[in-house]
Amino acid sequence: ALRWALAGHEVLIGSRRAEKAERVAGELGEALARAGTSYEFGHGVNADVVAGADVVVFTIPFEGVRPTCEGLREHIRPGTVVVSPVVPMRKADFGLIADLPPEGSAAELIAGLLPHARVVAAFHTVSAALLKDLSKPVEGDVVVCGDDEEAKELVMGLVRDIPNLRPLDGGPLAYSRVLEALTPLLITMGKRIGQPNLGVKFI
């Protein structure tokens, strides 16, 4: 939200509770003010926010995917681009491990629950902590997967709007299984080597 606001996009913050959406929108606005930028985030309950959005990003835990999609199915307009950075994972003795659903991936589950939307998987390997820290650049490659080429190009453009991130076409949505499996590895390995904000770069 912060980085796209800096790029000039209109960003709306949605939540199940209006007061939480208002609080988060205010906190994000204050973060931009500290960085020297004046910006007011729109906010509201999820159903109202997604109804007017061209792009919806599901920044939710995997456990919330099914109830969220079922609750918003009638509010998301046909053709809306839905971006999934969602990662199903669980704790193991050695750290975190992917726990992919029978549908193959969280993104594929979302696509099945929202057949009228255009689902794209992206941002799984980008550190949320770095995205929030406006004093530091966010570097790396972002693999973007989807079955709708136009939707995928749109999301790749959103990646380019964040300086130092490079979008890469990762092919069909089925490859989201690989992306979602990679994230817990990055988190666990980052903790082991003392670099919690690991990303990926293809050379």
N, C-alpha and C. Protein backbone atom coordinates (compact mmCIF):
# COMPACT_ATOMS: atom_id res chain seq x y z
N ALA A 1 0.82 -1.20 0.00
CA ALA A 1 0.00 0.00 0.00
C ALA A 1 0.86 1.26 0.00
N LEU A 2 1.89 1.27 0.85
CA LEU A 2 2.76 2.45 0.93
C LEU A 2 3.48 2.70 -0.39
N ARG A 3 4.05 1.67 -0.93
CA ARG A 3 4.86 1.83 -2.15
C ARG A 3 3.99 2.21 -3.35
N TRP A 4 2.80 1.67 -3.43
CA TRP A 4 1.91 2.03 -4.54
C TRP A 4 1.35 3.43 -4.37
N ALA A 5 1.15 3.83 -3.14
CA ALA A 5 0.72 5.21 -2.90
C ALA A 5 1.80 6.18 -3.38
N LEU A 6 3.05 5.85 -3.09
CA LEU A 6 4.17 6.70 -3.54
C LEU A 6 4.24 6.75 -5.07
N ALA A 7 3.79 5.68 -5.72
CA ALA A 7 3.82 5.62 -7.18
C ALA A 7 2.64 6.36 -7.81
N GLY A 8 1.73 6.87 -6.97
CA GLY A 8 0.61 7.65 -7.49
C GLY A 8 -0.69 6.91 -7.66
N HIS A 9 -0.77 5.67 -7.19
CA HIS A 9 -2.01 4.91 -7.30
C HIS A 9 -2.99 5.29 -6.19
N GLU A 10 -4.26 5.14 -6.48
CA GLU A 10 -5.28 5.28 -5.44
C GLU A 10 -5.37 3.96 -4.70
N VAL A 11 -5.10 3.97 -3.40
CA VAL A 11 -5.06 2.74 -2.61
C VAL A 11 -6.14 2.80 -1.54
N LEU A 12 -6.95 1.75 -1.48
CA LEU A 12 -8.01 1.64 -0.48
C LEU A 12 -7.68 0.50 0.48
N ILE A 13 -7.91 0.71 1.76
CA ILE A 13 -7.65 -0.30 2.77
C ILE A 13 -8.98 -0.89 3.22
N GLY A 14 -9.10 -2.22 3.11
CA GLY A 14 -10.32 -2.90 3.52
C GLY A 14 -10.08 -3.82 4.70
N SER A 15 -11.11 -4.00 5.50
CA SER A 15 -11.06 -4.93 6.62
C SER A 15 -12.47 -5.43 6.90
N ARG A 16 -12.57 -6.49 7.66
CA ARG A 16 -13.90 -6.95 8.06
C ARG A 16 -14.57 -5.94 8.97
N ARG A 17 -13.76 -5.16 9.69
CA ARG A 17 -14.29 -4.15 10.61
C ARG A 17 -13.89 -2.76 10.14
N ALA A 18 -14.84 -1.87 10.03
CA ALA A 18 -14.57 -0.53 9.52
C ALA A 18 -13.56 0.21 10.38
N GLU A 19 -13.65 0.01 11.70
CA GLU A 19 -12.73 0.73 12.60
C GLU A 19 -11.28 0.29 12.40
N LYS A 20 -11.07 -0.99 12.10
CA LYS A 20 -9.71 -1.46 11.84
C LYS A 20 -9.19 -0.87 10.53
N ALA A 21 -10.02 -0.87 9.50
CA ALA A 21 -9.61 -0.29 8.22
C ALA A 21 -9.24 1.18 8.40
N GLU A 22 -10.03 1.90 9.19
CA GLU A 22 -9.74 3.31 9.43
C GLU A 22 -8.42 3.48 10.19
N ARG A 23 -8.20 2.62 11.18
CA ARG A 23 -6.95 2.70 11.96
C ARG A 23 -5.74 2.43 11.09
N VAL A 24 -5.79 1.37 10.30
CA VAL A 24 -4.65 1.02 9.45
C VAL A 24 -4.41 2.10 8.40
N ALA A 25 -5.47 2.61 7.80
CA ALA A 25 -5.33 3.69 6.81
C ALA A 25 -4.65 4.90 7.43
N GLY A 26 -5.02 5.22 8.68
CA GLY A 26 -4.40 6.34 9.36
C GLY A 26 -2.93 6.10 9.65
N GLU A 27 -2.60 4.88 10.06
CA GLU A 27 -1.20 4.55 10.34
C GLU A 27 -0.35 4.63 9.07
N LEU A 28 -0.89 4.17 7.97
CA LEU A 28 -0.16 4.23 6.71
C LEU A 28 0.02 5.68 6.25
N GLY A 29 -1.01 6.48 6.44
CA GLY A 29 -0.90 7.90 6.09
C GLY A 29 0.16 8.60 6.92
N GLU A 30 0.24 8.24 8.20
CA GLU A 30 1.26 8.82 9.07
C GLU A 30 2.66 8.40 8.65
N ALA A 31 2.79 7.14 8.19
CA ALA A 31 4.09 6.66 7.72
C ALA A 31 4.55 7.45 6.51
N LEU A 32 3.63 7.75 5.59
CA LEU A 32 4.00 8.55 4.42
C LEU A 32 4.29 9.99 4.81
N ALA A 33 3.58 10.51 5.80
CA ALA A 33 3.84 11.88 6.26
C ALA A 33 5.24 11.98 6.83
N ARG A 34 5.66 10.96 7.56
CA ARG A 34 7.03 10.96 8.12
C ARG A 34 8.07 10.92 7.01
N ALA A 35 7.68 10.34 5.87
CA ALA A 35 8.60 10.26 4.72
C ALA A 35 8.49 11.50 3.84
N GLY A 36 7.67 12.45 4.27
CA GLY A 36 7.57 13.71 3.54
C GLY A 36 6.52 13.73 2.46
N THR A 37 5.58 12.79 2.47
CA THR A 37 4.54 12.72 1.45
C THR A 37 3.17 12.82 2.11
N SER A 38 2.32 13.65 1.57
CA SER A 38 0.96 13.77 2.07
C SER A 38 0.04 12.89 1.24
N TYR A 39 -0.65 11.98 1.89
CA TYR A 39 -1.51 11.03 1.18
C TYR A 39 -2.59 10.56 2.13
N GLU A 40 -3.81 10.47 1.63
CA GLU A 40 -4.93 9.99 2.44
C GLU A 40 -5.47 8.70 1.83
N PHE A 41 -5.35 7.62 2.57
CA PHE A 41 -5.82 6.32 2.10
C PHE A 41 -7.33 6.21 2.29
N GLY A 42 -8.02 5.76 1.25
CA GLY A 42 -9.42 5.42 1.41
C GLY A 42 -9.54 4.17 2.25
N HIS A 43 -10.68 3.96 2.86
CA HIS A 43 -10.83 2.78 3.72
C HIS A 43 -12.30 2.45 3.89
N GLY A 44 -12.57 1.21 4.32
CA GLY A 44 -13.93 0.78 4.55
C GLY A 44 -13.98 -0.71 4.77
N VAL A 45 -15.18 -1.25 4.94
CA VAL A 45 -15.32 -2.70 5.08
C VAL A 45 -15.02 -3.35 3.74
N ASN A 46 -14.59 -4.58 3.80
CA ASN A 46 -14.13 -5.27 2.60
C ASN A 46 -15.12 -5.23 1.44
N ALA A 47 -16.38 -5.49 1.74
CA ALA A 47 -17.38 -5.56 0.67
C ALA A 47 -17.49 -4.25 -0.09
N ASP A 48 -17.42 -3.14 0.62
CA ASP A 48 -17.52 -1.83 -0.05
C ASP A 48 -16.26 -1.51 -0.83
N VAL A 49 -15.10 -1.86 -0.27
CA VAL A 49 -13.83 -1.53 -0.90
C VAL A 49 -13.64 -2.32 -2.21
N VAL A 50 -13.91 -3.62 -2.18
CA VAL A 50 -13.66 -4.44 -3.38
C VAL A 50 -14.65 -4.11 -4.49
N ALA A 51 -15.83 -3.62 -4.13
CA ALA A 51 -16.85 -3.34 -5.14
C ALA A 51 -16.42 -2.27 -6.12
N GLY A 52 -15.56 -1.37 -5.68
CA GLY A 52 -15.11 -0.30 -6.56
C GLY A 52 -13.68 -0.44 -7.03
N ALA A 53 -13.04 -1.56 -6.72
CA ALA A 53 -11.61 -1.72 -7.01
C ALA A 53 -11.38 -2.40 -8.36
N ASP A 54 -10.35 -1.94 -9.07
CA ASP A 54 -9.92 -2.60 -10.30
C ASP A 54 -9.00 -3.78 -9.98
N VAL A 55 -8.23 -3.63 -8.89
CA VAL A 55 -7.31 -4.68 -8.45
C VAL A 55 -7.53 -4.89 -6.95
N VAL A 56 -7.67 -6.14 -6.56
CA VAL A 56 -7.84 -6.50 -5.15
C VAL A 56 -6.66 -7.37 -4.74
N VAL A 57 -5.99 -7.01 -3.64
CA VAL A 57 -4.86 -7.80 -3.14
C VAL A 57 -5.28 -8.45 -1.83
N PHE A 58 -5.20 -9.78 -1.78
CA PHE A 58 -5.59 -10.51 -0.58
C PHE A 58 -4.39 -10.68 0.36
N THR A 59 -4.19 -9.74 1.25
CA THR A 59 -3.11 -9.86 2.25
C THR A 59 -3.72 -10.46 3.52
N ILE A 60 -4.03 -11.74 3.44
CA ILE A 60 -4.71 -12.43 4.54
C ILE A 60 -4.03 -13.77 4.78
N PRO A 61 -4.18 -14.32 5.99
CA PRO A 61 -3.68 -15.68 6.23
C PRO A 61 -4.46 -16.68 5.39
N PHE A 62 -3.84 -17.81 5.11
CA PHE A 62 -4.50 -18.81 4.28
C PHE A 62 -5.83 -19.27 4.89
N GLU A 63 -5.88 -19.34 6.21
CA GLU A 63 -7.10 -19.81 6.87
C GLU A 63 -8.30 -18.92 6.55
N GLY A 64 -8.06 -17.69 6.16
CA GLY A 64 -9.15 -16.78 5.87
C GLY A 64 -9.56 -16.76 4.41
N VAL A 65 -8.89 -17.54 3.57
CA VAL A 65 -9.15 -17.46 2.12
C VAL A 65 -10.59 -17.86 1.78
N ARG A 66 -11.01 -19.03 2.23
CA ARG A 66 -12.34 -19.50 1.84
C ARG A 66 -13.46 -18.60 2.37
N PRO A 67 -13.48 -18.27 3.67
CA PRO A 67 -14.57 -17.39 4.13
C PRO A 67 -14.52 -16.00 3.50
N THR A 68 -13.31 -15.49 3.23
CA THR A 68 -13.20 -14.17 2.61
C THR A 68 -13.75 -14.20 1.19
N CYS A 69 -13.35 -15.21 0.43
CA CYS A 69 -13.83 -15.31 -0.95
C CYS A 69 -15.35 -15.51 -1.00
N GLU A 70 -15.85 -16.36 -0.12
CA GLU A 70 -17.29 -16.62 -0.11
C GLU A 70 -18.07 -15.37 0.29
N GLY A 71 -17.50 -14.58 1.22
CA GLY A 71 -18.17 -13.38 1.66
C GLY A 71 -18.13 -12.25 0.64
N LEU A 72 -17.10 -12.25 -0.21
CA LEU A 72 -16.93 -11.15 -1.15
C LEU A 72 -17.30 -11.51 -2.59
N ARG A 73 -17.68 -12.76 -2.82
CA ARG A 73 -17.93 -13.24 -4.18
C ARG A 73 -18.92 -12.35 -4.93
N GLU A 74 -19.97 -11.93 -4.26
CA GLU A 74 -21.00 -11.14 -4.93
C GLU A 74 -20.64 -9.66 -5.03
N HIS A 75 -19.55 -9.26 -4.40
CA HIS A 75 -19.17 -7.85 -4.39
C HIS A 75 -18.03 -7.54 -5.36
N ILE A 76 -17.21 -8.54 -5.67
CA ILE A 76 -16.11 -8.36 -6.61
C ILE A 76 -16.67 -8.39 -8.03
N ARG A 77 -16.42 -7.35 -8.79
CA ARG A 77 -16.98 -7.24 -10.13
C ARG A 77 -16.35 -8.25 -11.09
N PRO A 78 -17.09 -8.73 -12.08
CA PRO A 78 -16.52 -9.63 -13.09
C PRO A 78 -15.32 -8.97 -13.79
N GLY A 79 -14.25 -9.73 -13.95
CA GLY A 79 -13.06 -9.21 -14.61
C GLY A 79 -12.07 -8.53 -13.69
N THR A 80 -12.43 -8.35 -12.41
CA THR A 80 -11.50 -7.73 -11.46
C THR A 80 -10.25 -8.59 -11.32
N VAL A 81 -9.10 -7.95 -11.25
CA VAL A 81 -7.84 -8.66 -11.04
C VAL A 81 -7.65 -8.87 -9.54
N VAL A 82 -7.53 -10.11 -9.13
CA VAL A 82 -7.30 -10.46 -7.74
C VAL A 82 -5.88 -10.99 -7.60
N VAL A 83 -5.08 -10.33 -6.79
CA VAL A 83 -3.68 -10.71 -6.59
C VAL A 83 -3.57 -11.52 -5.31
N SER A 84 -2.93 -12.67 -5.40
CA SER A 84 -2.74 -13.53 -4.23
C SER A 84 -1.25 -13.67 -3.89
N PRO A 85 -0.83 -13.07 -2.76
CA PRO A 85 0.48 -13.38 -2.21
C PRO A 85 0.36 -14.37 -1.05
N VAL A 86 -0.82 -15.01 -0.94
CA VAL A 86 -1.13 -15.87 0.19
C VAL A 86 -0.26 -17.13 0.16
N VAL A 87 0.21 -17.54 1.35
CA VAL A 87 1.06 -18.73 1.44
C VAL A 87 0.51 -19.67 2.52
N PRO A 88 0.05 -20.86 2.14
CA PRO A 88 -0.35 -21.85 3.13
C PRO A 88 0.90 -22.52 3.71
N MET A 89 1.11 -22.38 5.00
CA MET A 89 2.29 -23.01 5.61
C MET A 89 2.00 -23.36 7.07
N ARG A 90 2.82 -24.25 7.58
CA ARG A 90 2.66 -24.68 8.97
C ARG A 90 4.04 -24.82 9.61
N LYS A 91 4.03 -24.87 10.93
CA LYS A 91 5.28 -25.03 11.66
C LYS A 91 5.73 -26.49 11.62
N ALA A 92 7.04 -26.66 11.49
CA ALA A 92 7.66 -27.98 11.57
C ALA A 92 8.82 -27.89 12.57
N ASP A 93 9.43 -29.02 12.88
CA ASP A 93 10.52 -29.02 13.86
C ASP A 93 11.66 -28.11 13.44
N PHE A 94 11.89 -28.00 12.13
CA PHE A 94 13.04 -27.26 11.62
C PHE A 94 12.68 -25.83 11.20
N GLY A 95 11.41 -25.45 11.30
CA GLY A 95 11.01 -24.11 10.87
C GLY A 95 9.61 -24.14 10.27
N LEU A 96 9.44 -23.53 9.11
CA LEU A 96 8.16 -23.52 8.42
C LEU A 96 8.23 -24.37 7.17
N ILE A 97 7.09 -24.93 6.79
CA ILE A 97 7.03 -25.73 5.58
C ILE A 97 5.69 -25.46 4.89
N ALA A 98 5.69 -25.56 3.57
CA ALA A 98 4.46 -25.32 2.82
C ALA A 98 3.42 -26.39 3.16
N ASP A 99 2.17 -25.96 3.19
CA ASP A 99 1.05 -26.86 3.46
C ASP A 99 -0.02 -26.59 2.41
N LEU A 100 0.29 -26.96 1.18
CA LEU A 100 -0.57 -26.60 0.04
C LEU A 100 -1.90 -27.35 0.09
N PRO A 101 -2.98 -26.69 -0.35
CA PRO A 101 -4.31 -27.31 -0.30
C PRO A 101 -4.51 -28.31 -1.44
N PRO A 102 -5.58 -29.09 -1.40
CA PRO A 102 -5.84 -30.06 -2.48
C PRO A 102 -5.97 -29.41 -3.86
N GLU A 103 -6.37 -28.13 -3.90
CA GLU A 103 -6.50 -27.43 -5.18
C GLU A 103 -5.15 -27.16 -5.83
N GLY A 104 -4.07 -27.34 -5.09
CA GLY A 104 -2.73 -27.13 -5.62
C GLY A 104 -2.01 -25.97 -4.98
N SER A 105 -2.71 -24.86 -4.79
CA SER A 105 -2.13 -23.67 -4.19
C SER A 105 -3.25 -22.78 -3.68
N ALA A 106 -2.89 -21.81 -2.86
CA ALA A 106 -3.88 -20.84 -2.40
C ALA A 106 -4.45 -20.06 -3.57
N ALA A 107 -3.60 -19.70 -4.53
CA ALA A 107 -4.05 -18.93 -5.69
C ALA A 107 -5.05 -19.72 -6.51
N GLU A 108 -4.81 -21.00 -6.67
CA GLU A 108 -5.74 -21.84 -7.44
C GLU A 108 -7.06 -22.03 -6.68
N LEU A 109 -6.98 -22.10 -5.36
CA LEU A 109 -8.20 -22.17 -4.56
C LEU A 109 -9.02 -20.90 -4.75
N ILE A 110 -8.36 -19.73 -4.70
CA ILE A 110 -9.04 -18.46 -4.89
C ILE A 110 -9.69 -18.40 -6.27
N ALA A 111 -8.97 -18.86 -7.28
CA ALA A 111 -9.51 -18.86 -8.65
C ALA A 111 -10.76 -19.72 -8.75
N GLY A 112 -10.78 -20.83 -8.02
CA GLY A 112 -11.95 -21.69 -8.03
C GLY A 112 -13.13 -21.07 -7.29
N LEU A 113 -12.84 -20.32 -6.23
CA LEU A 113 -13.90 -19.69 -5.45
C LEU A 113 -14.41 -18.41 -6.10
N LEU A 114 -13.58 -17.78 -6.93
CA LEU A 114 -13.95 -16.53 -7.60
C LEU A 114 -13.79 -16.69 -9.11
N PRO A 115 -14.61 -17.52 -9.74
CA PRO A 115 -14.43 -17.82 -11.17
C PRO A 115 -14.62 -16.62 -12.09
N HIS A 116 -15.29 -15.59 -11.62
CA HIS A 116 -15.52 -14.40 -12.45
C HIS A 116 -14.38 -13.39 -12.34
N ALA A 117 -13.41 -13.65 -11.45
CA ALA A 117 -12.25 -12.77 -11.29
C ALA A 117 -11.07 -13.31 -12.07
N ARG A 118 -10.06 -12.47 -12.26
CA ARG A 118 -8.82 -12.88 -12.93
C ARG A 118 -7.73 -12.93 -11.88
N VAL A 119 -7.38 -14.13 -11.45
CA VAL A 119 -6.47 -14.32 -10.32
C VAL A 119 -5.03 -14.40 -10.79
N VAL A 120 -4.17 -13.66 -10.11
CA VAL A 120 -2.74 -13.63 -10.41
C VAL A 120 -1.98 -13.85 -9.10
N ALA A 121 -0.98 -14.71 -9.13
CA ALA A 121 -0.14 -14.96 -7.96
C ALA A 121 1.14 -14.14 -8.08
N ALA A 122 1.48 -13.42 -7.01
CA ALA A 122 2.67 -12.56 -7.05
C ALA A 122 3.05 -12.10 -5.64
N PHE A 123 4.27 -11.62 -5.50
CA PHE A 123 4.81 -10.99 -4.29
C PHE A 123 5.12 -11.97 -3.15
N HIS A 124 5.18 -13.25 -3.43
CA HIS A 124 5.45 -14.22 -2.37
C HIS A 124 6.85 -14.10 -1.78
N THR A 125 7.79 -13.60 -2.55
CA THR A 125 9.19 -13.57 -2.11
C THR A 125 9.66 -12.16 -1.77
N VAL A 126 8.71 -11.25 -1.53
CA VAL A 126 9.07 -9.87 -1.17
C VAL A 126 8.81 -9.67 0.31
N SER A 127 9.81 -9.19 1.03
CA SER A 127 9.70 -9.00 2.47
C SER A 127 8.69 -7.91 2.81
N ALA A 128 7.70 -8.26 3.62
CA ALA A 128 6.72 -7.27 4.08
C ALA A 128 7.39 -6.20 4.93
N ALA A 129 8.37 -6.62 5.72
CA ALA A 129 9.08 -5.65 6.58
C ALA A 129 9.80 -4.61 5.74
N LEU A 130 10.42 -5.04 4.65
CA LEU A 130 11.11 -4.09 3.78
C LEU A 130 10.12 -3.18 3.06
N LEU A 131 9.00 -3.74 2.63
CA LEU A 131 8.00 -2.91 1.96
C LEU A 131 7.52 -1.78 2.87
N LYS A 132 7.44 -2.05 4.17
CA LYS A 132 6.96 -1.05 5.13
C LYS A 132 8.02 -0.02 5.48
N ASP A 133 9.29 -0.37 5.33
CA ASP A 133 10.38 0.52 5.71
C ASP A 133 10.75 1.41 4.52
N LEU A 134 10.19 2.60 4.49
CA LEU A 134 10.38 3.48 3.33
C LEU A 134 11.79 4.07 3.27
N SER A 135 12.58 3.85 4.29
CA SER A 135 13.95 4.36 4.27
C SER A 135 14.90 3.45 3.50
N LYS A 136 14.41 2.27 3.11
CA LYS A 136 15.25 1.30 2.43
C LYS A 136 14.62 0.88 1.11
N PRO A 137 15.45 0.59 0.10
CA PRO A 137 14.90 0.08 -1.16
C PRO A 137 14.49 -1.38 -1.01
N VAL A 138 13.55 -1.80 -1.83
CA VAL A 138 13.16 -3.20 -1.88
C VAL A 138 13.68 -3.75 -3.20
N GLU A 139 14.62 -4.67 -3.12
CA GLU A 139 15.24 -5.18 -4.33
C GLU A 139 14.90 -6.65 -4.54
N GLY A 140 14.92 -7.08 -5.79
CA GLY A 140 14.71 -8.48 -6.08
C GLY A 140 13.79 -8.69 -7.27
N ASP A 141 13.53 -9.95 -7.56
CA ASP A 141 12.65 -10.34 -8.64
C ASP A 141 11.31 -10.81 -8.08
N VAL A 142 10.26 -10.51 -8.80
CA VAL A 142 8.91 -10.94 -8.42
C VAL A 142 8.36 -11.80 -9.54
N VAL A 143 8.18 -13.08 -9.26
CA VAL A 143 7.61 -13.99 -10.24
C VAL A 143 6.09 -13.84 -10.21
N VAL A 144 5.51 -13.66 -11.39
CA VAL A 144 4.07 -13.40 -11.52
C VAL A 144 3.45 -14.53 -12.35
N CYS A 145 2.46 -15.21 -11.78
CA CYS A 145 1.83 -16.34 -12.46
C CYS A 145 0.34 -16.09 -12.63
N GLY A 146 -0.20 -16.49 -13.77
CA GLY A 146 -1.62 -16.34 -14.00
C GLY A 146 -2.02 -16.91 -15.34
N ASP A 147 -3.30 -17.18 -15.49
CA ASP A 147 -3.82 -17.75 -16.73
C ASP A 147 -4.38 -16.70 -17.68
N ASP A 148 -4.51 -15.46 -17.21
CA ASP A 148 -5.00 -14.36 -18.03
C ASP A 148 -3.83 -13.43 -18.32
N GLU A 149 -3.41 -13.38 -19.57
CA GLU A 149 -2.20 -12.64 -19.93
C GLU A 149 -2.34 -11.15 -19.66
N GLU A 150 -3.51 -10.58 -19.93
CA GLU A 150 -3.71 -9.15 -19.69
C GLU A 150 -3.62 -8.83 -18.20
N ALA A 151 -4.22 -9.67 -17.37
CA ALA A 151 -4.17 -9.47 -15.93
C ALA A 151 -2.74 -9.60 -15.42
N LYS A 152 -2.03 -10.55 -15.99
CA LYS A 152 -0.64 -10.76 -15.57
C LYS A 152 0.22 -9.55 -15.94
N GLU A 153 0.02 -8.99 -17.11
CA GLU A 153 0.77 -7.80 -17.52
C GLU A 153 0.45 -6.62 -16.61
N LEU A 154 -0.81 -6.49 -16.21
CA LEU A 154 -1.18 -5.40 -15.31
C LEU A 154 -0.43 -5.52 -13.99
N VAL A 155 -0.38 -6.73 -13.44
CA VAL A 155 0.31 -6.93 -12.16
C VAL A 155 1.81 -6.73 -12.32
N MET A 156 2.36 -7.14 -13.45
CA MET A 156 3.78 -6.90 -13.68
C MET A 156 4.07 -5.40 -13.73
N GLY A 157 3.13 -4.62 -14.25
CA GLY A 157 3.28 -3.18 -14.24
C GLY A 157 3.26 -2.63 -12.82
N LEU A 158 2.43 -3.20 -11.96
CA LEU A 158 2.40 -2.77 -10.56
C LEU A 158 3.71 -3.11 -9.86
N VAL A 159 4.32 -4.22 -10.24
CA VAL A 159 5.64 -4.56 -9.69
C VAL A 159 6.66 -3.50 -10.10
N ARG A 160 6.63 -3.11 -11.38
CA ARG A 160 7.58 -2.11 -11.87
C ARG A 160 7.40 -0.77 -11.19
N ASP A 161 6.22 -0.50 -10.69
CA ASP A 161 5.96 0.77 -10.01
C ASP A 161 6.67 0.87 -8.67
N ILE A 162 7.22 -0.24 -8.19
CA ILE A 162 8.01 -0.23 -6.96
C ILE A 162 9.47 -0.27 -7.37
N PRO A 163 10.21 0.81 -7.16
CA PRO A 163 11.60 0.88 -7.63
C PRO A 163 12.44 -0.31 -7.15
N ASN A 164 13.27 -0.82 -8.05
CA ASN A 164 14.23 -1.89 -7.79
C ASN A 164 13.62 -3.29 -7.75
N LEU A 165 12.32 -3.40 -8.00
CA LEU A 165 11.72 -4.72 -8.16
C LEU A 165 11.56 -5.01 -9.64
N ARG A 166 11.86 -6.25 -10.03
CA ARG A 166 11.74 -6.65 -11.44
C ARG A 166 10.71 -7.76 -11.57
N PRO A 167 9.66 -7.56 -12.37
CA PRO A 167 8.68 -8.62 -12.57
C PRO A 167 9.17 -9.63 -13.60
N LEU A 168 8.87 -10.90 -13.35
CA LEU A 168 9.20 -11.96 -14.29
C LEU A 168 7.95 -12.79 -14.54
N ASP A 169 7.67 -13.07 -15.79
CA ASP A 169 6.51 -13.86 -16.15
C ASP A 169 6.77 -15.31 -15.78
N GLY A 170 6.03 -15.80 -14.79
CA GLY A 170 6.23 -17.16 -14.32
C GLY A 170 5.31 -18.18 -14.94
N GLY A 171 4.56 -17.77 -15.98
CA GLY A 171 3.71 -18.73 -16.66
C GLY A 171 2.34 -18.86 -16.02
N PRO A 172 1.70 -20.02 -16.19
CA PRO A 172 0.32 -20.20 -15.75
C PRO A 172 0.19 -20.22 -14.23
N LEU A 173 -1.06 -20.11 -13.78
CA LEU A 173 -1.33 -20.03 -12.35
C LEU A 173 -0.87 -21.29 -11.61
N ALA A 174 -0.79 -22.41 -12.30
CA ALA A 174 -0.36 -23.66 -11.66
C ALA A 174 1.03 -23.55 -11.05
N TYR A 175 1.87 -22.68 -11.61
CA TYR A 175 3.21 -22.51 -11.05
C TYR A 175 3.20 -21.75 -9.72
N SER A 176 2.04 -21.25 -9.31
CA SER A 176 1.94 -20.62 -7.98
C SER A 176 2.27 -21.64 -6.90
N ARG A 177 2.13 -22.91 -7.20
CA ARG A 177 2.48 -23.95 -6.23
C ARG A 177 3.96 -23.87 -5.86
N VAL A 178 4.78 -23.59 -6.83
CA VAL A 178 6.22 -23.47 -6.59
C VAL A 178 6.52 -22.22 -5.77
N LEU A 179 5.87 -21.12 -6.12
CA LEU A 179 6.08 -19.87 -5.39
C LEU A 179 5.68 -20.02 -3.92
N GLU A 180 4.52 -20.60 -3.70
CA GLU A 180 4.03 -20.74 -2.33
C GLU A 180 4.89 -21.68 -1.51
N ALA A 181 5.51 -22.65 -2.15
CA ALA A 181 6.41 -23.56 -1.45
C ALA A 181 7.75 -22.90 -1.14
N LEU A 182 8.12 -21.89 -1.94
CA LEU A 182 9.41 -21.23 -1.75
C LEU A 182 9.42 -20.29 -0.54
N THR A 183 8.29 -19.68 -0.26
CA THR A 183 8.24 -18.67 0.80
C THR A 183 8.66 -19.20 2.17
N PRO A 184 8.11 -20.32 2.65
CA PRO A 184 8.55 -20.81 3.96
C PRO A 184 10.03 -21.17 4.00
N LEU A 185 10.58 -21.59 2.87
CA LEU A 185 12.02 -21.85 2.81
C LEU A 185 12.80 -20.56 3.04
N LEU A 186 12.39 -19.47 2.37
CA LEU A 186 13.08 -18.19 2.54
C LEU A 186 13.00 -17.71 3.98
N ILE A 187 11.83 -17.84 4.60
CA ILE A 187 11.66 -17.38 5.98
C ILE A 187 12.53 -18.20 6.92
N THR A 188 12.48 -19.51 6.78
CA THR A 188 13.25 -20.39 7.66
C THR A 188 14.74 -20.20 7.47
N MET A 189 15.18 -20.14 6.22
CA MET A 189 16.60 -19.96 5.94
C MET A 189 17.08 -18.60 6.43
N GLY A 190 16.24 -17.56 6.27
CA GLY A 190 16.60 -16.24 6.74
C GLY A 190 16.85 -16.21 8.23
N LYS A 191 16.03 -16.92 8.98
CA LYS A 191 16.23 -16.98 10.44
C LYS A 191 17.51 -17.73 10.78
N ARG A 192 17.82 -18.78 10.01
CA ARG A 192 19.02 -19.57 10.29
C ARG A 192 20.31 -18.78 10.06
N ILE A 193 20.31 -17.92 9.04
CA ILE A 193 21.54 -17.20 8.70
C ILE A 193 21.51 -15.75 9.18
N GLY A 194 20.47 -15.39 9.89
CA GLY A 194 20.41 -14.04 10.45
C GLY A 194 20.10 -12.96 9.44
N GLN A 195 19.41 -13.32 8.34
CA GLN A 195 18.99 -12.34 7.34
C GLN A 195 17.49 -12.51 7.10
N PRO A 196 16.66 -11.89 7.95
CA PRO A 196 15.23 -12.16 7.92
C PRO A 196 14.47 -11.66 6.71
N ASN A 197 15.09 -10.83 5.89
CA ASN A 197 14.36 -10.24 4.76
C ASN A 197 14.87 -10.75 3.43
N LEU A 198 15.13 -12.03 3.34
CA LEU A 198 15.64 -12.61 2.10
C LEU A 198 14.63 -12.48 0.96
N GLY A 199 15.13 -12.27 -0.25
CA GLY A 199 14.32 -12.28 -1.46
C GLY A 199 14.98 -13.18 -2.47
N VAL A 200 14.57 -13.06 -3.73
CA VAL A 200 15.18 -13.86 -4.78
C VAL A 200 15.59 -12.96 -5.94
N LYS A 201 16.64 -13.39 -6.64
CA LYS A 201 17.12 -12.68 -7.83
C LYS A 201 17.60 -13.73 -8.82
N PHE A 202 17.05 -13.69 -10.02
CA PHE A 202 17.43 -14.63 -11.06
C PHE A 202 18.49 -13.99 -11.95
N ILE A 203 19.64 -14.65 -12.12
CA ILE A 203 20.72 -14.10 -12.93
C ILE A 203 21.20 -15.15 -13.92
